Amino acid sequence: MKLYKIETYLPKEALDNIKNALCQLGFGKVGNYDCCMSWHEVNSSWRPLDGANPYQGVVNKVEFATEYKLEFRCCDKDLQKVVESIKLHHPYEEVCINIIPLYVI
């Protein structure tokens, strides 16, 4: 079984909703545990370009804000469901989801 680290960036007001949705589906498994997730504040910036409909910010102006980075492990068979769940509950127009292969010993 291949394992991956999932990272996504989100506004504080979406953190509990996304964590709870993932936990209800049993994700964040480590051995005999589930809901194993970490999150922390990060400083972020972005500039919505023409045609964007930003959740926060103004088109063509750089925005600076505090976001949360949520991270957890996921096995390959659950990747698609995890991505779908994050996108379903995430308020951003463009959702950043990093999927990083892990070497587990």
PDB file of N, CA and C in Angstrom:
ATOM      1  N   MET A   1       0.851  -1.180   0.000  1.00  0.00           N
ATOM      2  CA  MET A   1       0.000   0.000   0.000  1.00  0.00           C
ATOM      3  C   MET A   1       0.893   1.238   0.000  1.00  0.00           C
ATOM      4  N   LYS A   2       0.626   2.153  -0.900  1.00  0.00           N
ATOM      5  CA  LYS A   2       1.364   3.409  -0.961  1.00  0.00           C
ATOM      6  C   LYS A   2       0.669   4.438  -0.078  1.00  0.00           C
ATOM      7  N   LEU A   3       1.485   5.237   0.609  1.00  0.00           N
ATOM      8  CA  LEU A   3       0.960   6.301   1.455  1.00  0.00           C
ATOM      9  C   LEU A   3       1.372   7.661   0.916  1.00  0.00           C
ATOM     10  N   TYR A   4       0.509   8.631   1.153  1.00  0.00           N
ATOM     11  CA  TYR A   4       0.732   9.995   0.705  1.00  0.00           C
ATOM     12  C   TYR A   4       0.438  10.960   1.832  1.00  0.00           C
ATOM     13  N   LYS A   5       1.126  12.091   1.801  1.00  0.00           N
ATOM     14  CA  LYS A   5       0.807  13.192   2.701  1.00  0.00           C
ATOM     15  C   LYS A   5      -0.063  14.157   1.911  1.00  0.00           C
ATOM     16  N   ILE A   6      -1.210  14.492   2.465  1.00  0.00           N
ATOM     17  CA  ILE A   6      -2.125  15.445   1.856  1.00  0.00           C
ATOM     18  C   ILE A   6      -1.971  16.769   2.592  1.00  0.00           C
ATOM     19  N   GLU A   7      -1.808  17.846   1.842  1.00  0.00           N
ATOM     20  CA  GLU A   7      -1.751  19.190   2.409  1.00  0.00           C
ATOM     21  C   GLU A   7      -2.771  20.047   1.671  1.00  0.00           C
ATOM     22  N   THR A   8      -3.508  20.846   2.423  1.00  0.00           N
ATOM     23  CA  THR A   8      -4.387  21.824   1.802  1.00  0.00           C
ATOM     24  C   THR A   8      -4.397  23.089   2.641  1.00  0.00           C
ATOM     25  N   TYR A   9      -4.600  24.212   1.981  1.00  0.00           N
ATOM     26  CA  TYR A   9      -4.614  25.513   2.640  1.00  0.00           C
ATOM     27  C   TYR A   9      -6.049  26.026   2.636  1.00  0.00           C
ATOM     28  N   LEU A  10      -6.481  26.586   3.762  1.00  0.00           N
ATOM     29  CA  LEU A  10      -7.877  26.976   3.887  1.00  0.00           C
ATOM     30  C   LEU A  10      -8.046  28.106   4.883  1.00  0.00           C
ATOM     31  N   PRO A  11      -9.168  28.815   4.793  1.00  0.00           N
ATOM     32  CA  PRO A  11      -9.434  29.868   5.774  1.00  0.00           C
ATOM     33  C   PRO A  11      -9.861  29.250   7.101  1.00  0.00           C
ATOM     34  N   LYS A  12      -9.606  29.963   8.179  1.00  0.00           N
ATOM     35  CA  LYS A  12      -9.911  29.456   9.522  1.00  0.00           C
ATOM     36  C   LYS A  12     -11.359  28.990   9.640  1.00  0.00           C
ATOM     37  N   GLU A  13     -12.280  29.742   9.039  1.00  0.00           N
ATOM     38  CA  GLU A  13     -13.694  29.404   9.194  1.00  0.00           C
ATOM     39  C   GLU A  13     -14.078  28.093   8.499  1.00  0.00           C
ATOM     40  N   ALA A  14     -13.216  27.548   7.641  1.00  0.00           N
ATOM     41  CA  ALA A  14     -13.506  26.278   6.966  1.00  0.00           C
ATOM     42  C   ALA A  14     -12.816  25.091   7.625  1.00  0.00           C
ATOM     43  N   LEU A  15     -11.909  25.340   8.563  1.00  0.00           N
ATOM     44  CA  LEU A  15     -11.089  24.278   9.148  1.00  0.00           C
ATOM     45  C   LEU A  15     -11.922  23.169   9.781  1.00  0.00           C
ATOM     46  N   ASP A  16     -12.809  23.501  10.696  1.00  0.00           N
ATOM     47  CA  ASP A  16     -13.585  22.464  11.383  1.00  0.00           C
ATOM     48  C   ASP A  16     -14.471  21.687  10.427  1.00  0.00           C
ATOM     49  N   ASN A  17     -15.076  22.376   9.476  1.00  0.00           N
ATOM     50  CA  ASN A  17     -15.964  21.715   8.525  1.00  0.00           C
ATOM     51  C   ASN A  17     -15.214  20.665   7.692  1.00  0.00           C
ATOM     52  N   ILE A  18     -14.030  21.028   7.213  1.00  0.00           N
ATOM     53  CA  ILE A  18     -13.247  20.101   6.389  1.00  0.00           C
ATOM     54  C   ILE A  18     -12.694  18.957   7.233  1.00  0.00           C
ATOM     55  N   LYS A  19     -12.156  19.262   8.419  1.00  0.00           N
ATOM     56  CA  LYS A  19     -11.653  18.201   9.311  1.00  0.00           C
ATOM     57  C   LYS A  19     -12.763  17.214   9.646  1.00  0.00           C
ATOM     58  N   ASN A  20     -13.926  17.726  10.029  1.00  0.00           N
ATOM     59  CA  ASN A  20     -15.037  16.857  10.415  1.00  0.00           C
ATOM     60  C   ASN A  20     -15.508  15.989   9.256  1.00  0.00           C
ATOM     61  N   ALA A  21     -15.575  16.551   8.061  1.00  0.00           N
ATOM     62  CA  ALA A  21     -15.998  15.775   6.891  1.00  0.00           C
ATOM     63  C   ALA A  21     -15.015  14.639   6.618  1.00  0.00           C
ATOM     64  N   LEU A  22     -13.720  14.918   6.713  1.00  0.00           N
ATOM     65  CA  LEU A  22     -12.714  13.881   6.480  1.00  0.00           C
ATOM     66  C   LEU A  22     -12.762  12.809   7.563  1.00  0.00           C
ATOM     67  N   CYS A  23     -12.943  13.218   8.817  1.00  0.00           N
ATOM     68  CA  CYS A  23     -13.026  12.252   9.926  1.00  0.00           C
ATOM     69  C   CYS A  23     -14.269  11.372   9.804  1.00  0.00           C
ATOM     70  N   GLN A  24     -15.383  11.952   9.404  1.00  0.00           N
ATOM     71  CA  GLN A  24     -16.613  11.162   9.248  1.00  0.00           C
ATOM     72  C   GLN A  24     -16.447  10.074   8.198  1.00  0.00           C
ATOM     73  N   LEU A  25     -15.566  10.309   7.236  1.00  0.00           N
ATOM     74  CA  LEU A  25     -15.301   9.308   6.209  1.00  0.00           C
ATOM     75  C   LEU A  25     -14.184   8.344   6.626  1.00  0.00           C
ATOM     76  N   GLY A  26     -13.601   8.559   7.814  1.00  0.00           N
ATOM     77  CA  GLY A  26     -12.579   7.654   8.341  1.00  0.00           C
ATOM     78  C   GLY A  26     -11.172   7.924   7.840  1.00  0.00           C
ATOM     79  N   PHE A  27     -10.919   9.113   7.320  1.00  0.00           N
ATOM     80  CA  PHE A  27      -9.591   9.417   6.784  1.00  0.00           C
ATOM     81  C   PHE A  27      -8.648   9.889   7.882  1.00  0.00           C
ATOM     82  N   GLY A  28      -7.377  10.009   7.533  1.00  0.00           N
ATOM     83  CA  GLY A  28      -6.354  10.361   8.500  1.00  0.00           C
ATOM     84  C   GLY A  28      -5.943   9.147   9.315  1.00  0.00           C
ATOM     85  N   LYS A  29      -5.891   7.973   8.671  1.00  0.00           N
ATOM     86  CA  LYS A  29      -5.578   6.729   9.383  1.00  0.00           C
ATOM     87  C   LYS A  29      -4.081   6.560   9.588  1.00  0.00           C
ATOM     88  N   VAL A  30      -3.742   6.169  10.815  1.00  0.00           N
ATOM     89  CA  VAL A  30      -2.383   5.766  11.173  1.00  0.00           C
ATOM     90  C   VAL A  30      -2.547   4.559  12.083  1.00  0.00           C
ATOM     91  N   GLY A  31      -2.253   3.374  11.551  1.00  0.00           N
ATOM     92  CA  GLY A  31      -2.434   2.149  12.333  1.00  0.00           C
ATOM     93  C   GLY A  31      -3.878   1.977  12.757  1.00  0.00           C
ATOM     94  N   ASN A  32      -4.099   1.826  14.052  1.00  0.00           N
ATOM     95  CA  ASN A  32      -5.442   1.629  14.601  1.00  0.00           C
ATOM     96  C   ASN A  32      -6.117   2.932  15.019  1.00  0.00           C
ATOM     97  N   TYR A  33      -5.726   4.027  14.387  1.00  0.00           N
ATOM     98  CA  TYR A  33      -6.298   5.341  14.687  1.00  0.00           C
ATOM     99  C   TYR A  33      -6.787   5.972  13.389  1.00  0.00           C
ATOM    100  N   ASP A  34      -7.792   6.827  13.515  1.00  0.00           N
ATOM    101  CA  ASP A  34      -8.172   7.658  12.377  1.00  0.00           C
ATOM    102  C   ASP A  34      -8.296   9.103  12.870  1.00  0.00           C
ATOM    103  N   CYS A  35      -8.638   9.993  12.005  1.00  0.00           N
ATOM    104  CA  CYS A  35      -8.718  11.436  12.321  1.00  0.00           C
ATOM    105  C   CYS A  35      -7.376  11.998  12.775  1.00  0.00           C
ATOM    106  N   CYS A  36      -6.281  11.376  12.363  1.00  0.00           N
ATOM    107  CA  CYS A  36      -4.941  11.851  12.723  1.00  0.00           C
ATOM    108  C   CYS A  36      -4.554  12.956  11.740  1.00  0.00           C
ATOM    109  N   MET A  37      -4.675  14.186  12.189  1.00  0.00           N
ATOM    110  CA  MET A  37      -4.419  15.344  11.338  1.00  0.00           C
ATOM    111  C   MET A  37      -3.675  16.402  12.127  1.00  0.00           C
ATOM    112  N   SER A  38      -2.952  17.237  11.404  1.00  0.00           N
ATOM    113  CA  SER A  38      -2.286  18.385  12.004  1.00  0.00           C
ATOM    114  C   SER A  38      -2.680  19.618  11.216  1.00  0.00           C
ATOM    115  N   TRP A  39      -2.702  20.751  11.896  1.00  0.00           N
ATOM    116  CA  TRP A  39      -2.987  22.015  11.228  1.00  0.00           C
ATOM    117  C   TRP A  39      -2.260  23.119  11.967  1.00  0.00           C
ATOM    118  N   HIS A  40      -1.898  24.127  11.229  1.00  0.00           N
ATOM    119  CA  HIS A  40      -1.223  25.271  11.833  1.00  0.00           C
ATOM    120  C   HIS A  40      -1.416  26.496  10.943  1.00  0.00           C
ATOM    121  N   GLU A  41      -1.254  27.654  11.551  1.00  0.00           N
ATOM    122  CA  GLU A  41      -1.385  28.906  10.828  1.00  0.00           C
ATOM    123  C   GLU A  41      -0.175  29.114   9.920  1.00  0.00           C
ATOM    124  N   VAL A  42      -0.454  29.656   8.743  1.00  0.00           N
ATOM    125  CA  VAL A  42       0.603  30.030   7.813  1.00  0.00           C
ATOM    126  C   VAL A  42       0.276  31.418   7.259  1.00  0.00           C
ATOM    127  N   ASN A  43       1.297  32.141   6.881  1.00  0.00           N
ATOM    128  CA  ASN A  43       1.106  33.429   6.205  1.00  0.00           C
ATOM    129  C   ASN A  43       1.107  33.167   4.710  1.00  0.00           C
ATOM    130  N   SER A  44       0.093  33.661   4.026  1.00  0.00           N
ATOM    131  CA  SER A  44      -0.057  33.378   2.598  1.00  0.00           C
ATOM    132  C   SER A  44      -0.280  34.659   1.809  1.00  0.00           C
ATOM    133  N   SER A  45      -0.016  34.562   0.506  1.00  0.00           N
ATOM    134  CA  SER A  45      -0.328  35.665  -0.403  1.00  0.00           C
ATOM    135  C   SER A  45      -0.825  35.079  -1.713  1.00  0.00           C
ATOM    136  N   TRP A  46      -1.607  35.871  -2.436  1.00  0.00           N
ATOM    137  CA  TRP A  46      -2.113  35.495  -3.748  1.00  0.00           C
ATOM    138  C   TRP A  46      -2.634  36.743  -4.438  1.00  0.00           C
ATOM    139  N   ARG A  47      -2.705  36.669  -5.763  1.00  0.00           N
ATOM    140  CA  ARG A  47      -3.281  37.760  -6.541  1.00  0.00           C
ATOM    141  C   ARG A  47      -4.311  37.153  -7.490  1.00  0.00           C
ATOM    142  N   PRO A  48      -5.577  37.439  -7.285  1.00  0.00           N
ATOM    143  CA  PRO A  48      -6.600  36.978  -8.223  1.00  0.00           C
ATOM    144  C   PRO A  48      -6.399  37.681  -9.575  1.00  0.00           C
ATOM    145  N   LEU A  49      -6.395  36.909 -10.636  1.00  0.00           N
ATOM    146  CA  LEU A  49      -6.210  37.466 -11.976  1.00  0.00           C
ATOM    147  C   LEU A  49      -7.559  37.703 -12.648  1.00  0.00           C
ATOM    148  N   ASP A  50      -7.530  38.391 -13.783  1.00  0.00           N
ATOM    149  CA  ASP A  50      -8.763  38.651 -14.517  1.00  0.00           C
ATOM    150  C   ASP A  50      -9.539  37.350 -14.722  1.00  0.00           C
ATOM    151  N   GLY A  51     -10.838  37.389 -14.467  1.00  0.00           N
ATOM    152  CA  GLY A  51     -11.684  36.213 -14.611  1.00  0.00           C
ATOM    153  C   GLY A  51     -11.873  35.448 -13.314  1.00  0.00           C
ATOM    154  N   ALA A  52     -11.084  35.768 -12.287  1.00  0.00           N
ATOM    155  CA  ALA A  52     -11.195  35.085 -10.998  1.00  0.00           C
ATOM    156  C   ALA A  52     -12.392  35.614 -10.217  1.00  0.00           C
ATOM    157  N   ASN A  53     -12.915  34.765  -9.364  1.00  0.00           N
ATOM    158  CA  ASN A  53     -13.989  35.134  -8.443  1.00  0.00           C
ATOM    159  C   ASN A  53     -13.491  34.790  -7.041  1.00  0.00           C
ATOM    160  N   PRO A  54     -12.636  35.642  -6.461  1.00  0.00           N
ATOM    161  CA  PRO A  54     -11.948  35.263  -5.221  1.00  0.00           C
ATOM    162  C   PRO A  54     -12.871  35.186  -4.000  1.00  0.00           C
ATOM    163  N   TYR A  55     -12.591  34.206  -3.155  1.00  0.00           N
ATOM    164  CA  TYR A  55     -13.257  34.078  -1.855  1.00  0.00           C
ATOM    165  C   TYR A  55     -12.876  35.273  -0.986  1.00  0.00           C
ATOM    166  N   GLN A  56     -11.607  35.674  -1.106  1.00  0.00           N
ATOM    167  CA  GLN A  56     -11.084  36.814  -0.356  1.00  0.00           C
ATOM    168  C   GLN A  56     -10.119  37.557  -1.258  1.00  0.00           C
ATOM    169  N   GLY A  57     -10.215  38.859  -1.272  1.00  0.00           N
ATOM    170  CA  GLY A  57      -9.301  39.660  -2.074  1.00  0.00           C
ATOM    171  C   GLY A  57     -10.001  40.305  -3.250  1.00  0.00           C
ATOM    172  N   VAL A  58      -9.210  41.057  -4.026  1.00  0.00           N
ATOM    173  CA  VAL A  58      -9.709  41.837  -5.147  1.00  0.00           C
ATOM    174  C   VAL A  58      -8.884  41.471  -6.376  1.00  0.00           C
ATOM    175  N   VAL A  59      -9.532  41.352  -7.517  1.00  0.00           N
ATOM    176  CA  VAL A  59      -8.850  41.010  -8.758  1.00  0.00           C
ATOM    177  C   VAL A  59      -7.728  42.014  -9.030  1.00  0.00           C
ATOM    178  N   ASN A  60      -6.571  41.469  -9.403  1.00  0.00           N
ATOM    179  CA  ASN A  60      -5.352  42.211  -9.763  1.00  0.00           C
ATOM    180  C   ASN A  60      -4.687  42.927  -8.591  1.00  0.00           C
ATOM    181  N   LYS A  61      -5.013  42.565  -7.364  1.00  0.00           N
ATOM    182  CA  LYS A  61      -4.364  43.130  -6.190  1.00  0.00           C
ATOM    183  C   LYS A  61      -3.840  41.980  -5.321  1.00  0.00           C
ATOM    184  N   VAL A  62      -2.569  42.071  -4.919  1.00  0.00           N
ATOM    185  CA  VAL A  62      -1.986  41.038  -4.066  1.00  0.00           C
ATOM    186  C   VAL A  62      -2.642  41.096  -2.692  1.00  0.00           C
ATOM    187  N   GLU A  63      -3.080  39.939  -2.225  1.00  0.00           N
ATOM    188  CA  GLU A  63      -3.730  39.794  -0.919  1.00  0.00           C
ATOM    189  C   GLU A  63      -2.771  39.064   0.020  1.00  0.00           C
ATOM    190  N   PHE A  64      -2.722  39.502   1.267  1.00  0.00           N
ATOM    191  CA  PHE A  64      -1.926  38.846   2.304  1.00  0.00           C
ATOM    192  C   PHE A  64      -2.873  38.471   3.430  1.00  0.00           C
ATOM    193  N   ALA A  65      -2.789  37.231   3.906  1.00  0.00           N
ATOM    194  CA  ALA A  65      -3.698  36.797   4.973  1.00  0.00           C
ATOM    195  C   ALA A  65      -3.125  35.590   5.698  1.00  0.00           C
ATOM    196  N   THR A  66      -3.667  35.330   6.854  1.00  0.00           N
ATOM    197  CA  THR A  66      -3.363  34.113   7.595  1.00  0.00           C
ATOM    198  C   THR A  66      -4.331  33.041   7.137  1.00  0.00           C
ATOM    199  N   GLU A  67      -3.791  31.895   6.799  1.00  0.00           N
ATOM    200  CA  GLU A  67      -4.593  30.724   6.444  1.00  0.00           C
ATOM    201  C   GLU A  67      -4.193  29.594   7.383  1.00  0.00           C
ATOM    202  N   TYR A  68      -4.848  28.466   7.223  1.00  0.00           N
ATOM    203  CA  TYR A  68      -4.448  27.250   7.924  1.00  0.00           C
ATOM    204  C   TYR A  68      -3.986  26.225   6.909  1.00  0.00           C
ATOM    205  N   LYS A  69      -2.954  25.483   7.283  1.00  0.00           N
ATOM    206  CA  LYS A  69      -2.489  24.358   6.481  1.00  0.00           C
ATOM    207  C   LYS A  69      -2.919  23.100   7.229  1.00  0.00           C
ATOM    208  N   LEU A  70      -3.719  22.285   6.591  1.00  0.00           N
ATOM    209  CA  LEU A  70      -4.187  21.015   7.149  1.00  0.00           C
ATOM    210  C   LEU A  70      -3.417  19.904   6.457  1.00  0.00           C
ATOM    211  N   GLU A  71      -2.884  18.962   7.239  1.00  0.00           N
ATOM    212  CA  GLU A  71      -2.124  17.866   6.651  1.00  0.00           C
ATOM    213  C   GLU A  71      -2.411  16.561   7.366  1.00  0.00           C
ATOM    214  N   PHE A  72      -2.361  15.469   6.584  1.00  0.00           N
ATOM    215  CA  PHE A  72      -2.622  14.131   7.111  1.00  0.00           C
ATOM    216  C   PHE A  72      -2.151  13.100   6.096  1.00  0.00           C
ATOM    217  N   ARG A  73      -2.082  11.841   6.543  1.00  0.00           N
ATOM    218  CA  ARG A  73      -1.686  10.749   5.655  1.00  0.00           C
ATOM    219  C   ARG A  73      -2.905  10.129   5.001  1.00  0.00           C
ATOM    220  N   CYS A  74      -2.666   9.546   3.832  1.00  0.00           N
ATOM    221  CA  CYS A  74      -3.741   8.924   3.072  1.00  0.00           C
ATOM    222  C   CYS A  74      -3.157   7.769   2.259  1.00  0.00           C
ATOM    223  N   CYS A  75      -3.872   6.664   2.163  1.00  0.00           N
ATOM    224  CA  CYS A  75      -3.405   5.563   1.317  1.00  0.00           C
ATOM    225  C   CYS A  75      -3.923   5.760  -0.107  1.00  0.00           C
ATOM    226  N   ASP A  76      -3.253   5.105  -1.046  1.00  0.00           N
ATOM    227  CA  ASP A  76      -3.554   5.325  -2.461  1.00  0.00           C
ATOM    228  C   ASP A  76      -5.003   5.026  -2.821  1.00  0.00           C
ATOM    229  N   LYS A  77      -5.616   4.036  -2.190  1.00  0.00           N
ATOM    230  CA  LYS A  77      -6.995   3.684  -2.548  1.00  0.00           C
ATOM    231  C   LYS A  77      -8.001   4.762  -2.143  1.00  0.00           C
ATOM    232  N   ASP A  78      -7.623   5.651  -1.229  1.00  0.00           N
ATOM    233  CA  ASP A  78      -8.531   6.693  -0.743  1.00  0.00           C
ATOM    234  C   ASP A  78      -8.278   8.068  -1.359  1.00  0.00           C
ATOM    235  N   LEU A  79      -7.256   8.201  -2.187  1.00  0.00           N
ATOM    236  CA  LEU A  79      -6.875   9.517  -2.713  1.00  0.00           C
ATOM    237  C   LEU A  79      -8.028  10.253  -3.385  1.00  0.00           C
ATOM    238  N   GLN A  80      -8.728   9.595  -4.281  1.00  0.00           N
ATOM    239  CA  GLN A  80      -9.791  10.260  -5.024  1.00  0.00           C
ATOM    240  C   GLN A  80     -10.899  10.742  -4.086  1.00  0.00           C
ATOM    241  N   LYS A  81     -11.290   9.914  -3.126  1.00  0.00           N
ATOM    242  CA  LYS A  81     -12.355  10.300  -2.191  1.00  0.00           C
ATOM    243  C   LYS A  81     -11.923  11.457  -1.294  1.00  0.00           C
ATOM    244  N   VAL A  82     -10.665  11.463  -0.882  1.00  0.00           N
ATOM    245  CA  VAL A  82     -10.140  12.547  -0.053  1.00  0.00           C
ATOM    246  C   VAL A  82     -10.177  13.866  -0.826  1.00  0.00           C
ATOM    247  N   VAL A  83      -9.692  13.859  -2.056  1.00  0.00           N
ATOM    248  CA  VAL A  83      -9.681  15.067  -2.882  1.00  0.00           C
ATOM    249  C   VAL A  83     -11.113  15.559  -3.108  1.00  0.00           C
ATOM    250  N   GLU A  84     -12.020  14.644  -3.426  1.00  0.00           N
ATOM    251  CA  GLU A  84     -13.422  15.028  -3.640  1.00  0.00           C
ATOM    252  C   GLU A  84     -14.027  15.657  -2.388  1.00  0.00           C
ATOM    253  N   SER A  85     -13.749  15.075  -1.223  1.00  0.00           N
ATOM    254  CA  SER A  85     -14.301  15.595   0.029  1.00  0.00           C
ATOM    255  C   SER A  85     -13.760  16.985   0.342  1.00  0.00           C
ATOM    256  N   ILE A  86     -12.454  17.184   0.155  1.00  0.00           N
ATOM    257  CA  ILE A  86     -11.866  18.500   0.405  1.00  0.00           C
ATOM    258  C   ILE A  86     -12.501  19.536  -0.523  1.00  0.00           C
ATOM    259  N   LYS A  87     -12.583  19.225  -1.807  1.00  0.00           N
ATOM    260  CA  LYS A  87     -13.148  20.176  -2.769  1.00  0.00           C
ATOM    261  C   LYS A  87     -14.614  20.475  -2.480  1.00  0.00           C
ATOM    262  N   LEU A  88     -15.352  19.473  -2.034  1.00  0.00           N
ATOM    263  CA  LEU A  88     -16.770  19.652  -1.738  1.00  0.00           C
ATOM    264  C   LEU A  88     -16.991  20.622  -0.584  1.00  0.00           C
ATOM    265  N   HIS A  89     -16.105  20.607   0.412  1.00  0.00           N
ATOM    266  CA  HIS A  89     -16.283  21.404   1.627  1.00  0.00           C
ATOM    267  C   HIS A  89     -15.416  22.665   1.677  1.00  0.00           C
ATOM    268  N   HIS A  90     -14.609  22.889   0.661  1.00  0.00           N
ATOM    269  CA  HIS A  90     -13.663  24.003   0.642  1.00  0.00           C
ATOM    270  C   HIS A  90     -14.306  25.220  -0.024  1.00  0.00           C
ATOM    271  N   PRO A  91     -14.169  26.408   0.559  1.00  0.00           N
ATOM    272  CA  PRO A  91     -14.832  27.581  -0.015  1.00  0.00           C
ATOM    273  C   PRO A  91     -14.081  28.269  -1.164  1.00  0.00           C
ATOM    274  N   TYR A  92     -12.805  27.925  -1.388  1.00  0.00           N
ATOM    275  CA  TYR A  92     -12.035  28.638  -2.402  1.00  0.00           C
ATOM    276  C   TYR A  92     -12.431  28.221  -3.812  1.00  0.00           C
ATOM    277  N   GLU A  93     -12.322  29.169  -4.727  1.00  0.00           N
ATOM    278  CA  GLU A  93     -12.567  28.901  -6.145  1.00  0.00           C
ATOM    279  C   GLU A  93     -11.530  27.911  -6.688  1.00  0.00           C
ATOM    280  N   GLU A  94     -10.271  28.116  -6.342  1.00  0.00           N
ATOM    281  CA  GLU A  94      -9.176  27.222  -6.729  1.00  0.00           C
ATOM    282  C   GLU A  94      -8.599  26.627  -5.447  1.00  0.00           C
ATOM    283  N   VAL A  95      -8.733  25.332  -5.283  1.00  0.00           N
ATOM    284  CA  VAL A  95      -8.288  24.661  -4.059  1.00  0.00           C
ATOM    285  C   VAL A  95      -6.893  24.093  -4.277  1.00  0.00           C
ATOM    286  N   CYS A  96      -5.968  24.463  -3.406  1.00  0.00           N
ATOM    287  CA  CYS A  96      -4.609  23.923  -3.458  1.00  0.00           C
ATOM    288  C   CYS A  96      -4.567  22.649  -2.606  1.00  0.00           C
ATOM    289  N   ILE A  97      -4.332  21.514  -3.271  1.00  0.00           N
ATOM    290  CA  ILE A  97      -4.186  20.238  -2.575  1.00  0.00           C
ATOM    291  C   ILE A  97      -2.870  19.634  -3.044  1.00  0.00           C
ATOM    292  N   ASN A  98      -1.929  19.488  -2.128  1.00  0.00           N
ATOM    293  CA  ASN A  98      -0.640  18.858  -2.434  1.00  0.00           C
ATOM    294  C   ASN A  98      -0.711  17.398  -2.022  1.00  0.00           C
ATOM    295  N   ILE A  99      -0.292  16.521  -2.925  1.00  0.00           N
ATOM    296  CA  ILE A  99      -0.270  15.079  -2.664  1.00  0.00           C
ATOM    297  C   ILE A  99       1.178  14.634  -2.803  1.00  0.00           C
ATOM    298  N   ILE A 100       1.779  14.264  -1.661  1.00  0.00           N
ATOM    299  CA  ILE A 100       3.211  13.994  -1.606  1.00  0.00           C
ATOM    300  C   ILE A 100       3.436  12.523  -1.252  1.00  0.00           C
ATOM    301  N   PRO A 101       4.117  11.766  -2.112  1.00  0.00           N
ATOM    302  CA  PRO A 101       4.409  10.360  -1.804  1.00  0.00           C
ATOM    303  C   PRO A 101       5.284  10.257  -0.550  1.00  0.00           C
ATOM    304  N   LEU A 102       4.992   9.263   0.282  1.00  0.00           N
ATOM    305  CA  LEU A 102       5.750   9.052   1.515  1.00  0.00           C
ATOM    306  C   LEU A 102       6.532   7.740   1.456  1.00  0.00           C
ATOM    307  N   TYR A 103       7.671   7.751   2.088  1.00  0.00           N
ATOM    308  CA  TYR A 103       8.443   6.545   2.314  1.00  0.00           C
ATOM    309  C   TYR A 103       8.283   6.223   3.785  1.00  0.00           C
ATOM    310  N   VAL A 104       7.574   5.163   4.108  1.00  0.00           N
ATOM    311  CA  VAL A 104       7.285   4.825   5.495  1.00  0.00           C
ATOM    312  C   VAL A 104       8.077   3.587   5.887  1.00  0.00           C
ATOM    313  N   ILE A 105       8.784   3.679   7.032  1.00  0.00           N
ATOM    314  CA  ILE A 105       9.572   2.549   7.505  1.00  0.00           C
ATOM    315  C   ILE A 105       8.916   1.903   8.704  1.00  0.00           C
TER     316      ILE A 105
END
